[in-house]
Amino acid sequence: MGGLGAIGVPGLVIILVIVLIVFGPKKLPEIGGAVGKTFAEFKKSTKGLMEDDDDSVKKVEKKSDAS
């Protein structure tokens, strides 16, 4: 299984058409905004985790240098 990368353009078009049929054109901007905010928050959180991880590595390196 190739995962999400194996969907391709035709698959994405089919998914978008199904979403349009299910939710209708009036709800799509609201859904898109909510998805965008969710991805932005997820990106911000993962960036914070990566920075925390980098800080931890630097502290360990300083301790080993001081020894």
N, C-alpha and C. Protein backbone atom coordinates (compact mmCIF):
# COMPACT_ATOMS: atom_id res chain seq x y z
N MET A 1 0.84 -1.19 0.00
CA MET A 1 0.00 0.00 0.00
C MET A 1 0.88 1.24 0.00
N GLY A 2 0.58 2.20 -0.87
CA GLY A 2 1.38 3.39 -1.03
C GLY A 2 0.97 4.53 -0.11
N GLY A 3 -0.13 4.39 0.60
CA GLY A 3 -0.56 5.46 1.49
C GLY A 3 -1.25 6.57 0.73
N LEU A 4 -1.20 7.76 1.29
CA LEU A 4 -1.91 8.91 0.72
C LEU A 4 -1.31 9.33 -0.61
N GLY A 5 -0.02 9.14 -0.82
CA GLY A 5 0.63 9.53 -2.06
C GLY A 5 0.16 8.74 -3.26
N ALA A 6 -0.48 7.60 -3.04
CA ALA A 6 -0.92 6.75 -4.14
C ALA A 6 -2.29 7.15 -4.68
N ILE A 7 -2.93 8.17 -4.10
CA ILE A 7 -4.26 8.55 -4.55
C ILE A 7 -4.19 9.15 -5.95
N GLY A 8 -3.35 10.11 -6.17
CA GLY A 8 -3.21 10.73 -7.48
C GLY A 8 -4.26 11.79 -7.74
N VAL A 9 -4.12 12.45 -8.86
CA VAL A 9 -5.02 13.55 -9.21
C VAL A 9 -6.45 13.06 -9.47
N PRO A 10 -6.65 11.99 -10.24
CA PRO A 10 -8.04 11.54 -10.46
C PRO A 10 -8.76 11.18 -9.17
N GLY A 11 -8.05 10.57 -8.24
CA GLY A 11 -8.64 10.23 -6.96
C GLY A 11 -9.03 11.45 -6.16
N LEU A 12 -8.18 12.48 -6.19
CA LEU A 12 -8.50 13.72 -5.48
C LEU A 12 -9.72 14.41 -6.08
N VAL A 13 -9.82 14.38 -7.40
CA VAL A 13 -10.98 14.98 -8.06
C VAL A 13 -12.25 14.27 -7.64
N ILE A 14 -12.23 12.96 -7.61
CA ILE A 14 -13.40 12.18 -7.19
C ILE A 14 -13.77 12.50 -5.75
N ILE A 15 -12.77 12.58 -4.87
CA ILE A 15 -13.03 12.90 -3.46
C ILE A 15 -13.65 14.29 -3.35
N LEU A 16 -13.12 15.27 -4.08
CA LEU A 16 -13.67 16.62 -4.02
C LEU A 16 -15.11 16.68 -4.53
N VAL A 17 -15.42 15.93 -5.58
CA VAL A 17 -16.79 15.89 -6.09
C VAL A 17 -17.73 15.28 -5.05
N ILE A 18 -17.30 14.21 -4.40
CA ILE A 18 -18.14 13.57 -3.37
C ILE A 18 -18.37 14.54 -2.21
N VAL A 19 -17.31 15.25 -1.78
CA VAL A 19 -17.44 16.22 -0.69
C VAL A 19 -18.41 17.33 -1.09
N LEU A 20 -18.31 17.78 -2.33
CA LEU A 20 -19.22 18.83 -2.81
C LEU A 20 -20.66 18.35 -2.80
N ILE A 21 -20.90 17.11 -3.19
CA ILE A 21 -22.26 16.55 -3.19
C ILE A 21 -22.79 16.41 -1.77
N VAL A 22 -21.94 15.92 -0.86
CA VAL A 22 -22.38 15.66 0.52
C VAL A 22 -22.65 16.97 1.27
N PHE A 23 -21.73 17.92 1.20
CA PHE A 23 -21.85 19.12 2.02
C PHE A 23 -22.48 20.30 1.29
N GLY A 24 -22.44 20.32 -0.01
CA GLY A 24 -23.01 21.43 -0.78
C GLY A 24 -22.04 22.59 -0.88
N PRO A 25 -22.27 23.44 -1.88
CA PRO A 25 -21.34 24.54 -2.13
C PRO A 25 -21.34 25.62 -1.04
N LYS A 26 -22.42 25.75 -0.28
CA LYS A 26 -22.48 26.79 0.75
C LYS A 26 -21.61 26.45 1.96
N LYS A 27 -21.45 25.17 2.25
CA LYS A 27 -20.67 24.75 3.43
C LYS A 27 -19.18 24.61 3.13
N LEU A 28 -18.79 24.49 1.88
CA LEU A 28 -17.38 24.25 1.55
C LEU A 28 -16.43 25.33 2.07
N PRO A 29 -16.75 26.63 1.97
CA PRO A 29 -15.82 27.62 2.53
C PRO A 29 -15.62 27.48 4.04
N GLU A 30 -16.69 27.14 4.76
CA GLU A 30 -16.59 26.93 6.21
C GLU A 30 -15.70 25.72 6.51
N ILE A 31 -15.91 24.65 5.78
CA ILE A 31 -15.13 23.44 5.98
C ILE A 31 -13.66 23.70 5.64
N GLY A 32 -13.42 24.39 4.53
CA GLY A 32 -12.05 24.72 4.14
C GLY A 32 -11.34 25.57 5.18
N GLY A 33 -12.06 26.55 5.73
CA GLY A 33 -11.46 27.39 6.77
C GLY A 33 -11.14 26.59 8.02
N ALA A 34 -12.04 25.71 8.41
CA ALA A 34 -11.81 24.89 9.60
C ALA A 34 -10.62 23.96 9.39
N VAL A 35 -10.53 23.36 8.20
CA VAL A 35 -9.40 22.47 7.90
C VAL A 35 -8.09 23.25 7.90
N GLY A 36 -8.10 24.45 7.32
CA GLY A 36 -6.91 25.29 7.29
C GLY A 36 -6.45 25.68 8.69
N LYS A 37 -7.38 26.05 9.56
CA LYS A 37 -7.04 26.40 10.94
C LYS A 37 -6.49 25.19 11.68
N THR A 38 -7.07 24.02 11.42
CA THR A 38 -6.60 22.81 12.07
C THR A 38 -5.17 22.48 11.65
N PHE A 39 -4.89 22.56 10.34
CA PHE A 39 -3.52 22.30 9.87
C PHE A 39 -2.53 23.32 10.42
N ALA A 40 -2.94 24.59 10.50
CA ALA A 40 -2.05 25.62 11.03
C ALA A 40 -1.73 25.35 12.49
N GLU A 41 -2.72 24.96 13.27
CA GLU A 41 -2.49 24.65 14.69
C GLU A 41 -1.61 23.42 14.84
N PHE A 42 -1.85 22.42 13.99
CA PHE A 42 -1.03 21.21 14.04
C PHE A 42 0.43 21.54 13.71
N LYS A 43 0.64 22.37 12.70
CA LYS A 43 1.99 22.76 12.31
C LYS A 43 2.68 23.53 13.43
N LYS A 44 1.92 24.44 14.07
CA LYS A 44 2.47 25.22 15.18
C LYS A 44 2.85 24.30 16.35
N SER A 45 2.01 23.33 16.63
CA SER A 45 2.28 22.41 17.73
C SER A 45 3.50 21.53 17.45
N THR A 46 3.59 21.01 16.23
CA THR A 46 4.73 20.16 15.91
C THR A 46 6.02 20.96 15.89
N LYS A 47 5.94 22.22 15.47
CA LYS A 47 7.13 23.08 15.49
C LYS A 47 7.58 23.30 16.93
N GLY A 48 6.61 23.52 17.82
CA GLY A 48 6.93 23.69 19.24
C GLY A 48 7.56 22.44 19.82
N LEU A 49 7.07 21.29 19.44
CA LEU A 49 7.65 20.04 19.93
C LEU A 49 9.08 19.85 19.43
N MET A 50 9.30 20.19 18.17
CA MET A 50 10.64 20.07 17.61
C MET A 50 11.62 21.02 18.30
N GLU A 51 11.17 22.24 18.61
CA GLU A 51 12.02 23.20 19.31
C GLU A 51 12.34 22.71 20.71
N ASP A 52 11.33 22.14 21.39
CA ASP A 52 11.56 21.59 22.73
C ASP A 52 12.56 20.45 22.67
N ASP A 53 12.45 19.62 21.65
CA ASP A 53 13.37 18.50 21.48
C ASP A 53 14.79 19.01 21.22
N ASP A 54 14.92 20.05 20.40
CA ASP A 54 16.24 20.63 20.13
C ASP A 54 16.85 21.22 21.40
N ASP A 55 16.02 21.88 22.21
CA ASP A 55 16.50 22.44 23.48
C ASP A 55 17.01 21.33 24.40
N SER A 56 16.30 20.21 24.44
CA SER A 56 16.72 19.09 25.28
C SER A 56 18.06 18.53 24.83
N VAL A 57 18.26 18.43 23.52
CA VAL A 57 19.52 17.91 22.99
C VAL A 57 20.65 18.86 23.34
N LYS A 58 20.41 20.17 23.24
CA LYS A 58 21.44 21.14 23.56
C LYS A 58 21.82 21.08 25.03
N LYS A 59 20.84 20.87 25.92
CA LYS A 59 21.13 20.76 27.34
C LYS A 59 21.98 19.53 27.64
N VAL A 60 21.67 18.43 26.98
CA VAL A 60 22.45 17.20 27.17
C VAL A 60 23.87 17.41 26.66
N GLU A 61 24.01 18.09 25.53
CA GLU A 61 25.34 18.35 24.98
C GLU A 61 26.15 19.23 25.90
N LYS A 62 25.51 20.24 26.51
CA LYS A 62 26.22 21.12 27.44
C LYS A 62 26.68 20.36 28.67
N LYS A 63 25.84 19.45 29.18
CA LYS A 63 26.21 18.65 30.33
C LYS A 63 27.41 17.76 30.02
N SER A 64 27.40 17.16 28.83
CA SER A 64 28.50 16.25 28.47
C SER A 64 29.78 17.04 28.21
N ASP A 65 29.68 18.29 27.72
CA ASP A 65 30.85 19.13 27.50
C ASP A 65 31.44 19.59 28.83
N ALA A 66 30.59 19.83 29.82
CA ALA A 66 31.05 20.30 31.12
C ALA A 66 31.72 19.20 31.92
N SER A 67 31.45 17.98 31.61
CA SER A 67 32.01 16.84 32.37
C SER A 67 33.44 16.62 32.09
